[in-house]
Amino acid sequence: MGIHWDALRDVLVVLLFGSVGGAISGAFVANYFTNQRHRKHRKTVLFAFLNVWASEVEANRGATSPHNVAVGVADQFDERRLVLIEKAAAVELDFGDATHIKFKGLVDKIGTMTPGEVGDEQGRQKLLQAIRHITSFLEEN
């Protein structure tokens, strides 16, 4: 009784293809979980930014300037709006078609506002409501 080289070759071929298939499958699974983690991180960063901004709007004060002078919401609006657009752009592609359109519409409500619109109490309330709509959307999606 000798070694059947054909049978051994068949076993080696099966092991080789099984190993390659397992490596490819493992790479796909690892990539999927990495993408999920990055997606959650982007959403968390945007959510945190919105919560801080909402508290600033409620208190009608922004961050303190380098000269230790309190700056109003209207004075920092353009800067905050640009940060929102940047963080939202990182998140918006994580949503499907209809959800993406709704999210973009919520962000655009703030994106089209001007500092002059948010300078009075009514404008700050409009801004606060728009921020909360985005926050609610993120919680639901």
Protein backbone atom coordinates (compact mmCIF):
# COMPACT_ATOMS: atom_id res chain seq x y z
CA MET A 1 0.00 0.00 0.00
CA GLY A 2 1.57 3.27 -1.13
CA ILE A 3 0.65 6.89 -1.00
CA HIS A 4 -2.01 7.88 -3.49
CA TRP A 5 -0.55 11.09 -4.85
CA ASP A 6 -3.76 11.99 -6.67
CA ALA A 7 -5.75 11.83 -3.43
CA LEU A 8 -3.10 13.85 -1.57
CA ARG A 9 -3.09 16.46 -4.33
CA ASP A 10 -6.90 16.71 -4.11
CA VAL A 11 -6.71 17.23 -0.34
CA LEU A 12 -4.05 19.93 -0.73
CA VAL A 13 -6.12 21.71 -3.40
CA VAL A 14 -9.19 21.66 -1.13
CA LEU A 15 -7.14 22.99 1.81
CA LEU A 16 -5.57 25.71 -0.33
CA PHE A 17 -8.87 26.93 -1.77
CA GLY A 18 -10.50 26.68 1.65
CA SER A 19 -7.76 28.81 3.18
CA VAL A 20 -7.95 31.41 0.41
CA GLY A 21 -11.75 31.51 0.65
CA GLY A 22 -11.58 31.88 4.42
CA ALA A 23 -9.05 34.70 4.17
CA ILE A 24 -11.20 36.57 1.65
CA SER A 25 -14.33 36.08 3.76
CA GLY A 26 -12.47 37.20 6.86
CA ALA A 27 -11.26 40.32 5.09
CA PHE A 28 -14.82 41.21 4.06
CA VAL A 29 -16.13 40.70 7.59
CA ALA A 30 -13.30 42.77 9.11
CA ASN A 31 -13.91 45.54 6.56
CA TYR A 32 -17.64 45.54 7.34
CA PHE A 33 -17.09 45.93 11.09
CA THR A 34 -14.43 48.60 10.56
CA ASN A 35 -16.82 50.60 8.37
CA GLN A 36 -19.56 50.25 11.01
CA ARG A 37 -17.21 51.53 13.71
CA HIS A 38 -16.15 54.52 11.58
CA ARG A 39 -19.77 55.27 10.73
CA LYS A 40 -20.73 55.28 14.40
CA HIS A 41 -17.75 57.51 15.24
CA ARG A 42 -18.65 60.10 12.57
CA LYS A 43 -22.23 60.19 13.83
CA THR A 44 -21.09 60.55 17.46
CA VAL A 45 -18.77 63.44 16.57
CA LEU A 46 -21.60 65.29 14.81
CA PHE A 47 -24.03 64.53 17.63
CA ALA A 48 -21.59 65.91 20.24
CA PHE A 49 -21.00 69.06 18.20
CA LEU A 50 -24.76 69.65 17.87
CA ASN A 51 -25.32 69.21 21.61
CA VAL A 52 -22.62 71.76 22.47
CA TRP A 53 -23.94 74.19 19.87
CA ALA A 54 -27.51 73.81 21.15
CA SER A 55 -26.40 74.62 24.70
CA GLU A 56 -24.56 77.72 23.42
CA VAL A 57 -27.66 78.87 21.55
CA GLU A 58 -29.88 78.29 24.58
CA ALA A 59 -27.56 80.36 26.76
CA ASN A 60 -27.01 82.93 23.97
CA ARG A 61 -23.28 82.75 24.29
CA GLY A 62 -20.60 81.12 22.28
CA ALA A 63 -17.11 80.20 23.28
CA THR A 64 -14.91 82.77 24.93
CA SER A 65 -12.57 84.61 22.58
CA PRO A 66 -8.78 84.56 23.11
CA HIS A 67 -9.11 87.91 24.92
CA ASN A 68 -11.53 86.38 27.46
CA VAL A 69 -14.54 88.15 25.95
CA ALA A 70 -17.83 86.27 25.65
CA VAL A 71 -18.99 86.09 22.04
CA GLY A 72 -22.66 85.88 21.07
CA VAL A 73 -24.31 83.19 18.98
CA ALA A 74 -24.69 85.48 15.95
CA ASP A 75 -20.99 86.42 16.11
CA GLN A 76 -19.92 82.77 15.87
CA PHE A 77 -22.68 81.60 13.57
CA ASP A 78 -20.66 81.49 10.34
CA GLU A 79 -17.88 79.50 12.00
CA ARG A 80 -20.32 77.02 13.59
CA ARG A 81 -22.28 76.67 10.36
CA LEU A 82 -19.10 75.73 8.47
CA VAL A 83 -18.20 73.15 11.12
CA LEU A 84 -21.72 71.70 10.84
CA ILE A 85 -21.43 71.44 7.06
CA GLU A 86 -18.05 69.72 7.38
CA LYS A 87 -19.20 67.19 9.98
CA ALA A 88 -22.52 66.60 8.19
CA ALA A 89 -20.72 65.93 4.90
CA ALA A 90 -18.78 63.14 6.61
CA VAL A 91 -22.01 61.57 7.89
CA GLU A 92 -24.48 62.10 5.05
CA LEU A 93 -23.11 59.39 2.78
CA ASP A 94 -23.74 56.82 5.52
CA PHE A 95 -27.48 57.14 4.90
CA GLY A 96 -29.56 55.56 2.14
CA ASP A 97 -31.18 57.59 -0.65
CA ALA A 98 -34.37 58.87 1.01
CA THR A 99 -32.71 59.24 4.40
CA HIS A 100 -29.77 61.05 2.82
CA ILE A 101 -32.09 63.57 1.14
CA LYS A 102 -33.98 64.26 4.38
CA PHE A 103 -30.72 64.68 6.35
CA LYS A 104 -29.29 67.04 3.74
CA GLY A 105 -32.50 69.09 3.88
CA LEU A 106 -32.23 69.44 7.66
CA VAL A 107 -28.62 70.60 7.41
CA ASP A 108 -29.47 73.00 4.57
CA LYS A 109 -32.03 74.74 6.81
CA ILE A 110 -29.13 75.93 8.95
CA GLY A 111 -26.76 76.31 6.02
CA THR A 112 -29.01 78.92 4.43
CA MET A 113 -29.43 80.99 7.59
CA THR A 114 -27.41 84.18 8.10
CA PRO A 115 -25.84 85.64 11.26
CA GLY A 116 -28.39 88.44 11.12
CA GLU A 117 -31.25 85.93 11.30
CA VAL A 118 -30.00 84.37 14.54
CA GLY A 119 -29.15 87.60 16.35
CA ASP A 120 -32.48 88.04 18.13
CA GLU A 121 -34.46 85.69 20.38
CA GLN A 122 -36.80 84.54 17.61
CA GLY A 123 -33.86 83.74 15.32
CA ARG A 124 -32.02 81.84 18.06
CA GLN A 125 -35.16 79.78 18.70
CA LYS A 126 -35.40 79.00 14.97
CA LEU A 127 -31.74 77.92 14.98
CA LEU A 128 -32.20 75.87 18.13
CA GLN A 129 -35.20 74.10 16.62
CA ALA A 130 -33.21 73.32 13.45
CA ILE A 131 -30.33 71.92 15.53
CA ARG A 132 -32.74 69.75 17.52
CA HIS A 133 -34.34 68.42 14.33
CA ILE A 134 -30.93 67.21 13.16
CA THR A 135 -30.21 65.74 16.60
CA SER A 136 -33.54 63.88 16.61
CA PHE A 137 -32.88 62.62 13.10
CA LEU A 138 -29.50 61.23 14.17
CA GLU A 139 -31.05 59.51 17.20
CA GLU A 140 -33.68 57.84 14.98
CA ASN A 141 -31.36 56.78 12.18
